[in-house]
C-alpha atoms as a PDB file:
ATOM      1  CA  MET A   1      93.358  24.533  54.509  1.00  0.00           C
ATOM      2  CA  GLU A   2      91.947  21.799  52.326  1.00  0.00           C
ATOM      3  CA  PHE A   3      91.011  18.216  53.195  1.00  0.00           C
ATOM      4  CA  GLU A   4      90.801  15.170  50.973  1.00  0.00           C
ATOM      5  CA  LEU A   5      87.688  13.181  51.878  1.00  0.00           C
ATOM      6  CA  LYS A   6      86.981   9.696  50.559  1.00  0.00           C
ATOM      7  CA  LEU A   7      83.780   7.681  50.616  1.00  0.00           C
ATOM      8  CA  PRO A   8      84.180   3.941  51.113  1.00  0.00           C
ATOM      9  CA  LYS A   9      82.743   1.869  48.269  1.00  0.00           C
ATOM     10  CA  THR A  10      80.306   0.054  50.556  1.00  0.00           C
ATOM     11  CA  GLN A  11      79.006   3.013  52.585  1.00  0.00           C
ATOM     12  CA  ASN A  12      78.113   6.638  51.950  1.00  0.00           C
ATOM     13  CA  ILE A  13      79.797   7.778  55.146  1.00  0.00           C
ATOM     14  CA  VAL A  14      82.559  10.366  55.222  1.00  0.00           C
ATOM     15  CA  TRP A  15      84.870  11.290  58.086  1.00  0.00           C
ATOM     16  CA  ILE A  16      84.694  15.003  58.938  1.00  0.00           C
ATOM     17  CA  PRO A  17      88.074  16.266  60.179  1.00  0.00           C
ATOM     18  CA  SER A  18      88.111  17.351  63.828  1.00  0.00           C
ATOM     19  CA  GLU A  19      89.226  20.856  62.793  1.00  0.00           C
ATOM     20  CA  VAL A  20      86.027  21.246  60.753  1.00  0.00           C
ATOM     21  CA  VAL A  21      83.829  19.894  63.550  1.00  0.00           C
ATOM     22  CA  ALA A  22      85.514  22.263  66.025  1.00  0.00           C
ATOM     23  CA  SER A  23      84.780  25.188  63.720  1.00  0.00           C
ATOM     24  CA  LEU A  24      81.310  24.305  62.418  1.00  0.00           C
ATOM     25  CA  GLY A  25      79.870  22.092  65.132  1.00  0.00           C
ATOM     26  CA  ARG A  26      78.049  18.768  64.922  1.00  0.00           C
ATOM     27  CA  LYS A  27      74.790  19.932  63.292  1.00  0.00           C
ATOM     28  CA  LEU A  28      75.587  20.834  59.704  1.00  0.00           C
ATOM     29  CA  ARG A  29      73.764  21.752  56.509  1.00  0.00           C
ATOM     30  CA  LEU A  30      74.995  20.627  53.077  1.00  0.00           C
ATOM     31  CA  VAL A  31      73.879  22.354  49.875  1.00  0.00           C
ATOM     32  CA  PRO A  32      75.101  20.454  46.798  1.00  0.00           C
ATOM     33  CA  GLY A  33      75.715  21.884  43.347  1.00  0.00           C
ATOM     34  CA  SER A  34      76.683  20.106  40.138  1.00  0.00           C
ATOM     35  CA  MET A  35      80.457  20.255  40.831  1.00  0.00           C
ATOM     36  CA  SER A  36      80.749  21.374  44.456  1.00  0.00           C
ATOM     37  CA  ALA A  37      78.902  21.728  47.727  1.00  0.00           C
ATOM     38  CA  VAL A  38      78.824  24.041  50.700  1.00  0.00           C
ATOM     39  CA  LEU A  39      78.839  22.754  54.277  1.00  0.00           C
ATOM     40  CA  TYR A  40      77.891  25.160  57.056  1.00  0.00           C
ATOM     41  CA  SER A  41      76.634  25.204  60.633  1.00  0.00           C
ATOM     42  CA  GLU A  42      72.941  24.701  61.192  1.00  0.00           C
ATOM     43  CA  GLY A  43      71.452  28.062  62.114  1.00  0.00           C
ATOM     44  CA  ALA A  44      74.361  30.040  60.630  1.00  0.00           C
ATOM     45  CA  ASP A  45      73.611  33.494  59.259  1.00  0.00           C
ATOM     46  CA  LEU A  46      73.447  32.963  55.490  1.00  0.00           C
ATOM     47  CA  ARG A  47      75.004  36.367  54.786  1.00  0.00           C
ATOM     48  CA  THR A  48      78.040  35.314  56.794  1.00  0.00           C
ATOM     49  CA  VAL A  49      78.112  31.967  54.958  1.00  0.00           C
ATOM     50  CA  CYS A  50      78.060  33.826  51.617  1.00  0.00           C
ATOM     51  CA  GLN A  51      80.891  36.134  52.738  1.00  0.00           C
ATOM     52  CA  SER A  52      82.946  33.091  53.689  1.00  0.00           C
ATOM     53  CA  LEU A  53      82.207  31.494  50.312  1.00  0.00           C
ATOM     54  CA  ARG A  54      83.398  34.629  48.501  1.00  0.00           C
ATOM     55  CA  ILE A  55      86.767  34.302  50.261  1.00  0.00           C
ATOM     56  CA  ILE A  56      86.984  30.619  49.312  1.00  0.00           C
ATOM     57  CA  ILE A  57      86.100  31.459  45.692  1.00  0.00           C
ATOM     58  CA  GLN A  58      88.803  34.145  45.580  1.00  0.00           C
ATOM     59  CA  ASP A  59      91.326  31.609  46.873  1.00  0.00           C
ATOM     60  CA  LEU A  60      90.287  29.067  44.235  1.00  0.00           C
ATOM     61  CA  GLU A  61      90.485  31.660  41.450  1.00  0.00           C
ATOM     62  CA  LEU A  62      94.071  32.502  42.438  1.00  0.00           C
ATOM     63  CA  ARG A  63      95.196  28.913  41.913  1.00  0.00           C
ATOM     64  CA  PRO A  64      96.633  27.926  38.539  1.00  0.00           C
ATOM     65  CA  ALA A  65      94.170  26.096  36.272  1.00  0.00           C
ATOM     66  CA  GLY A  66      94.113  22.371  36.980  1.00  0.00           C
ATOM     67  CA  ASN A  67      96.127  22.799  40.185  1.00  0.00           C
ATOM     68  CA  GLN A  68      95.434  20.201  42.834  1.00  0.00           C
ATOM     69  CA  SER A  69      96.723  21.634  46.094  1.00  0.00           C
ATOM     70  CA  GLU A  70      98.147  19.508  48.852  1.00  0.00           C
ATOM     71  CA  ALA A  71      95.060  18.328  50.704  1.00  0.00           C
ATOM     72  CA  VAL A  72      95.160  16.810  54.156  1.00  0.00           C
ATOM     73  CA  SER A  73      94.252  13.163  53.622  1.00  0.00           C
ATOM     74  CA  ASN A  74      91.967  11.233  55.930  1.00  0.00           C
ATOM     75  CA  LYS A  75      93.562   7.855  55.173  1.00  0.00           C
ATOM     76  CA  GLU A  76      95.203   7.389  58.572  1.00  0.00           C
ATOM     77  CA  GLU A  77      92.325   8.701  60.657  1.00  0.00           C
ATOM     78  CA  ASN A  78      89.399   7.199  58.766  1.00  0.00           C
ATOM     79  CA  PRO A  79      88.739   3.724  60.156  1.00  0.00           C
ATOM     80  CA  VAL A  80      86.189   2.953  57.414  1.00  0.00           C
ATOM     81  CA  ALA A  81      88.375   3.647  54.347  1.00  0.00           C
END
């Protein structure tokens, strides 16, 4: 599953889909890179996080170059956007 997240121009606040909150919880860690970031539960075992990232990377590598998959948009549920 993939979600499209948008930041309003006036605020740096993003809506986290309820499915993500249900899976990861409400205390999260974000590690940014130059073109991506990883979001994981606070206190998560980093080996497990890395295993999960390997699966995500494999999925991304199987997609055709330049392919933008159908992401679930937060337009309807994001009251700030």
